[in-house]
Amino acid sequence: MISPTTKTVTDETIAKASGDPDSPMTGDQADLLRVLCEEASEPFDASLTQRQALERIEALRDSTNKTL
């Protein structure tokens, strides 16, 4: 469950990632990925690139049927 103080991260925020998809994931991606990993009882990997994080977010959203 997301606590009321958790910052909501939207697709728009993820879309604002820097131009290099091979650079480290953004803070917004990390926040969203951490929440999705917790809800799916999956490990969170802080070393992902922006591209990898986006793919992982999409996969976790599909598996949990959640949109944040």
C-alpha atoms as a PDB file:
ATOM      1  CA  MET A   1       0.000   0.000   0.000  1.00  0.00           C
ATOM      2  CA  ILE A   2       1.244   3.464  -0.860  1.00  0.00           C
ATOM      3  CA  SER A   3       1.436   5.781   2.091  1.00  0.00           C
ATOM      4  CA  PRO A   4      -0.326   9.149   1.807  1.00  0.00           C
ATOM      5  CA  THR A   5       3.017  10.944   1.870  1.00  0.00           C
ATOM      6  CA  THR A   6       4.422   9.012  -1.084  1.00  0.00           C
ATOM      7  CA  LYS A   7       4.950  11.164  -4.141  1.00  0.00           C
ATOM      8  CA  THR A   8       2.861   9.958  -7.080  1.00  0.00           C
ATOM      9  CA  VAL A   9       4.926   9.409 -10.194  1.00  0.00           C
ATOM     10  CA  THR A  10       3.202   9.587 -13.554  1.00  0.00           C
ATOM     11  CA  ASP A  11       4.111   8.499 -17.057  1.00  0.00           C
ATOM     12  CA  GLU A  12       4.716  12.174 -17.841  1.00  0.00           C
ATOM     13  CA  THR A  13       7.415  12.318 -15.187  1.00  0.00           C
ATOM     14  CA  ILE A  14       9.104   9.220 -16.571  1.00  0.00           C
ATOM     15  CA  ALA A  15       8.925  10.668 -20.080  1.00  0.00           C
ATOM     16  CA  LYS A  16      11.002  13.627 -18.873  1.00  0.00           C
ATOM     17  CA  ALA A  17      14.022  11.356 -18.428  1.00  0.00           C
ATOM     18  CA  SER A  18      17.212  12.654 -19.979  1.00  0.00           C
ATOM     19  CA  GLY A  19      17.966  11.912 -23.611  1.00  0.00           C
ATOM     20  CA  ASP A  20      20.384   9.032 -22.947  1.00  0.00           C
ATOM     21  CA  PRO A  21      18.443   5.836 -22.177  1.00  0.00           C
ATOM     22  CA  ASP A  22      21.681   4.145 -21.110  1.00  0.00           C
ATOM     23  CA  SER A  23      22.320   6.602 -18.271  1.00  0.00           C
ATOM     24  CA  PRO A  24      21.259   5.650 -14.731  1.00  0.00           C
ATOM     25  CA  MET A  25      17.529   5.654 -14.059  1.00  0.00           C
ATOM     26  CA  THR A  26      16.032   8.897 -12.858  1.00  0.00           C
ATOM     27  CA  GLY A  27      14.909   9.475  -9.298  1.00  0.00           C
ATOM     28  CA  ASP A  28      11.287   9.418 -10.434  1.00  0.00           C
ATOM     29  CA  GLN A  29      11.809   6.067 -12.157  1.00  0.00           C
ATOM     30  CA  ALA A  30      13.482   4.702  -9.020  1.00  0.00           C
ATOM     31  CA  ASP A  31      10.585   5.891  -6.839  1.00  0.00           C
ATOM     32  CA  LEU A  32       7.978   4.276  -9.073  1.00  0.00           C
ATOM     33  CA  LEU A  33       9.986   1.097  -9.543  1.00  0.00           C
ATOM     34  CA  ARG A  34      10.520   0.751  -5.790  1.00  0.00           C
ATOM     35  CA  VAL A  35       6.763   0.986  -5.156  1.00  0.00           C
ATOM     36  CA  LEU A  36       5.934  -1.513  -7.893  1.00  0.00           C
ATOM     37  CA  CYS A  37       8.609  -3.935  -6.675  1.00  0.00           C
ATOM     38  CA  GLU A  38       7.229  -3.760  -3.138  1.00  0.00           C
ATOM     39  CA  GLU A  39       3.691  -4.433  -4.337  1.00  0.00           C
ATOM     40  CA  ALA A  40       4.846  -7.357  -6.489  1.00  0.00           C
ATOM     41  CA  SER A  41       7.172  -8.711  -3.766  1.00  0.00           C
ATOM     42  CA  GLU A  42      10.053  -8.425  -6.233  1.00  0.00           C
ATOM     43  CA  PRO A  43      13.589  -7.202  -5.521  1.00  0.00           C
ATOM     44  CA  PHE A  44      14.440  -3.598  -6.377  1.00  0.00           C
ATOM     45  CA  ASP A  45      17.590  -3.111  -8.471  1.00  0.00           C
ATOM     46  CA  ALA A  46      18.965   0.423  -8.086  1.00  0.00           C
ATOM     47  CA  SER A  47      21.601  -0.111 -10.785  1.00  0.00           C
ATOM     48  CA  LEU A  48      19.252  -0.133 -13.790  1.00  0.00           C
ATOM     49  CA  THR A  49      19.587   2.251 -16.717  1.00  0.00           C
ATOM     50  CA  GLN A  50      16.692   4.447 -17.770  1.00  0.00           C
ATOM     51  CA  ARG A  51      15.785   2.017 -20.552  1.00  0.00           C
ATOM     52  CA  GLN A  52      15.984  -1.022 -18.249  1.00  0.00           C
ATOM     53  CA  ALA A  53      13.949   0.745 -15.582  1.00  0.00           C
ATOM     54  CA  LEU A  54      11.235   1.637 -18.083  1.00  0.00           C
ATOM     55  CA  GLU A  55      11.056  -1.982 -19.263  1.00  0.00           C
ATOM     56  CA  ARG A  56      10.924  -3.237 -15.663  1.00  0.00           C
ATOM     57  CA  ILE A  57       8.202  -0.717 -14.769  1.00  0.00           C
ATOM     58  CA  GLU A  58       6.104  -1.837 -17.731  1.00  0.00           C
ATOM     59  CA  ALA A  59       6.550  -5.513 -16.827  1.00  0.00           C
ATOM     60  CA  LEU A  60       5.630  -4.927 -13.184  1.00  0.00           C
ATOM     61  CA  ARG A  61       2.608  -2.865 -14.145  1.00  0.00           C
ATOM     62  CA  ASP A  62       1.449  -5.706 -16.382  1.00  0.00           C
ATOM     63  CA  SER A  63       1.970  -8.302 -13.669  1.00  0.00           C
ATOM     64  CA  THR A  64       0.250  -6.274 -10.946  1.00  0.00           C
ATOM     65  CA  ASN A  65      -2.355  -4.693 -13.254  1.00  0.00           C
ATOM     66  CA  LYS A  66      -1.558  -1.317 -11.667  1.00  0.00           C
ATOM     67  CA  THR A  67      -1.146   2.137 -13.097  1.00  0.00           C
ATOM     68  CA  LEU A  68       0.420   4.801 -10.930  1.00  0.00           C
END
